[in-house]
Amino acid sequence: MTELLIKQISFSDDAMTATFNEGSSVTVQLSQFQRLNAAPREGRNHWELIGGGEGVHWPKIDEDLSIENILAAYSRSKRDEYAQASR
């Protein structure tokens, strides 16, 4: 079994996409990450992988996210979308 690692991070105006080494990706609204949401585009776009891809560090923002943080935010956002659609 291949260990899941972050390969790439990209941003749109209101979301972050994390692409993983096995080809999958998740897109999470920036509102799930307070510091990234408040940061200027320049700060968000300056990131580096840490732990061989186990996490991401933004030096200009002093923010770190692990794969677990990203997947938990993705899960929360999907749960919230489902709850809103069920109303």
C-alpha atoms as a PDB file:
ATOM      1  CA  MET A   1       0.000   0.000   0.000  1.00  0.00           C
ATOM      2  CA  THR A   2       1.323   3.425  -0.981  1.00  0.00           C
ATOM      3  CA  GLU A   3       1.557   6.084   1.710  1.00  0.00           C
ATOM      4  CA  LEU A   4      -0.583   9.098   0.879  1.00  0.00           C
ATOM      5  CA  LEU A   5       1.581  12.209   0.447  1.00  0.00           C
ATOM      6  CA  ILE A   6       0.895  15.720  -0.775  1.00  0.00           C
ATOM      7  CA  LYS A   7       2.410  16.406  -4.175  1.00  0.00           C
ATOM      8  CA  GLN A   8       0.991  19.836  -5.091  1.00  0.00           C
ATOM      9  CA  ILE A   9      -1.038  22.699  -3.632  1.00  0.00           C
ATOM     10  CA  SER A  10      -2.935  25.193  -5.777  1.00  0.00           C
ATOM     11  CA  PHE A  11      -5.421  27.974  -5.138  1.00  0.00           C
ATOM     12  CA  SER A  12      -8.401  29.585  -6.784  1.00  0.00           C
ATOM     13  CA  ASP A  13      -9.918  32.793  -5.418  1.00  0.00           C
ATOM     14  CA  ASP A  14     -11.798  30.979  -2.651  1.00  0.00           C
ATOM     15  CA  ALA A  15     -10.472  27.407  -2.486  1.00  0.00           C
ATOM     16  CA  MET A  16      -7.345  25.306  -2.056  1.00  0.00           C
ATOM     17  CA  THR A  17      -6.713  22.087  -3.954  1.00  0.00           C
ATOM     18  CA  ALA A  18      -4.335  19.462  -2.581  1.00  0.00           C
ATOM     19  CA  THR A  19      -3.122  16.875  -5.091  1.00  0.00           C
ATOM     20  CA  PHE A  20      -1.709  13.638  -3.750  1.00  0.00           C
ATOM     21  CA  ASN A  21       1.021  11.307  -4.974  1.00  0.00           C
ATOM     22  CA  GLU A  22      -1.427   8.608  -6.073  1.00  0.00           C
ATOM     23  CA  GLY A  23      -3.317  11.025  -8.349  1.00  0.00           C
ATOM     24  CA  SER A  24      -6.347  12.000  -6.266  1.00  0.00           C
ATOM     25  CA  SER A  25      -7.094  15.533  -5.121  1.00  0.00           C
ATOM     26  CA  VAL A  26      -9.433  17.383  -2.783  1.00  0.00           C
ATOM     27  CA  THR A  27     -10.645  20.952  -2.999  1.00  0.00           C
ATOM     28  CA  VAL A  28     -11.499  22.764   0.222  1.00  0.00           C
ATOM     29  CA  GLN A  29     -12.970  26.237   0.631  1.00  0.00           C
ATOM     30  CA  LEU A  30     -10.457  28.675   2.115  1.00  0.00           C
ATOM     31  CA  SER A  31     -13.026  29.566   4.758  1.00  0.00           C
ATOM     32  CA  GLN A  32     -12.059  26.244   6.410  1.00  0.00           C
ATOM     33  CA  PHE A  33      -8.544  27.632   7.064  1.00  0.00           C
ATOM     34  CA  GLN A  34      -8.675  30.983   8.847  1.00  0.00           C
ATOM     35  CA  ARG A  35      -5.030  32.011   8.321  1.00  0.00           C
ATOM     36  CA  LEU A  36      -4.932  31.012   4.656  1.00  0.00           C
ATOM     37  CA  ASN A  37      -8.245  32.729   4.026  1.00  0.00           C
ATOM     38  CA  ALA A  38      -6.965  35.998   5.511  1.00  0.00           C
ATOM     39  CA  ALA A  39      -3.569  35.845   3.793  1.00  0.00           C
ATOM     40  CA  PRO A  40      -2.755  37.651   0.558  1.00  0.00           C
ATOM     41  CA  ARG A  41      -2.421  35.546  -2.593  1.00  0.00           C
ATOM     42  CA  GLU A  42       1.361  35.996  -2.549  1.00  0.00           C
ATOM     43  CA  GLY A  43       1.594  34.428   0.911  1.00  0.00           C
ATOM     44  CA  ARG A  44      -0.663  31.504  -0.014  1.00  0.00           C
ATOM     45  CA  ASN A  45       1.284  30.747  -3.177  1.00  0.00           C
ATOM     46  CA  HIS A  46       4.609  30.544  -1.306  1.00  0.00           C
ATOM     47  CA  TRP A  47       4.400  27.076   0.272  1.00  0.00           C
ATOM     48  CA  GLU A  48       6.750  24.146   0.844  1.00  0.00           C
ATOM     49  CA  LEU A  49       6.214  20.486   1.570  1.00  0.00           C
ATOM     50  CA  ILE A  50       7.288  19.249   4.976  1.00  0.00           C
ATOM     51  CA  GLY A  51       7.857  15.714   6.202  1.00  0.00           C
ATOM     52  CA  GLY A  52       8.372  14.465   2.656  1.00  0.00           C
ATOM     53  CA  GLY A  53       4.818  15.468   1.731  1.00  0.00           C
ATOM     54  CA  GLU A  54       3.063  14.678   5.011  1.00  0.00           C
ATOM     55  CA  GLY A  55       2.261  18.366   5.371  1.00  0.00           C
ATOM     56  CA  VAL A  56       2.577  21.855   3.935  1.00  0.00           C
ATOM     57  CA  HIS A  57       4.220  24.943   5.430  1.00  0.00           C
ATOM     58  CA  TRP A  58       3.576  28.569   4.451  1.00  0.00           C
ATOM     59  CA  PRO A  59       6.582  30.540   5.755  1.00  0.00           C
ATOM     60  CA  LYS A  60       5.121  33.996   5.042  1.00  0.00           C
ATOM     61  CA  ILE A  61       1.919  33.094   6.911  1.00  0.00           C
ATOM     62  CA  ASP A  62       3.482  30.873   9.606  1.00  0.00           C
ATOM     63  CA  GLU A  63       0.876  28.180   8.877  1.00  0.00           C
ATOM     64  CA  ASP A  64       1.260  24.408   8.728  1.00  0.00           C
ATOM     65  CA  LEU A  65      -1.324  21.867   7.583  1.00  0.00           C
ATOM     66  CA  SER A  66      -0.995  18.104   7.646  1.00  0.00           C
ATOM     67  CA  ILE A  67      -2.750  15.698   5.328  1.00  0.00           C
ATOM     68  CA  GLU A  68      -5.050  14.905   8.265  1.00  0.00           C
ATOM     69  CA  ASN A  69      -5.944  18.615   8.681  1.00  0.00           C
ATOM     70  CA  ILE A  70      -6.733  18.945   4.974  1.00  0.00           C
ATOM     71  CA  LEU A  71      -8.818  15.774   4.814  1.00  0.00           C
ATOM     72  CA  ALA A  72     -10.701  16.691   8.013  1.00  0.00           C
ATOM     73  CA  ALA A  73     -11.565  20.114   6.551  1.00  0.00           C
ATOM     74  CA  TYR A  74     -12.671  18.440   3.311  1.00  0.00           C
ATOM     75  CA  SER A  75     -14.870  16.036   5.274  1.00  0.00           C
ATOM     76  CA  ARG A  76     -16.412  18.906   7.296  1.00  0.00           C
ATOM     77  CA  SER A  77     -17.139  20.892   4.159  1.00  0.00           C
ATOM     78  CA  LYS A  78     -18.810  17.916   2.441  1.00  0.00           C
ATOM     79  CA  ARG A  79     -20.881  17.207   5.566  1.00  0.00           C
ATOM     80  CA  ASP A  80     -21.960  20.870   5.670  1.00  0.00           C
ATOM     81  CA  GLU A  81     -22.857  20.817   1.950  1.00  0.00           C
ATOM     82  CA  TYR A  82     -24.948  17.669   2.479  1.00  0.00           C
ATOM     83  CA  ALA A  83     -26.721  19.172   5.491  1.00  0.00           C
ATOM     84  CA  GLN A  84     -27.587  22.340   3.548  1.00  0.00           C
ATOM     85  CA  ALA A  85     -28.823  20.355   0.544  1.00  0.00           C
ATOM     86  CA  SER A  86     -31.035  18.217   2.830  1.00  0.00           C
ATOM     87  CA  ARG A  87     -32.962  21.224   4.130  1.00  0.00           C
END
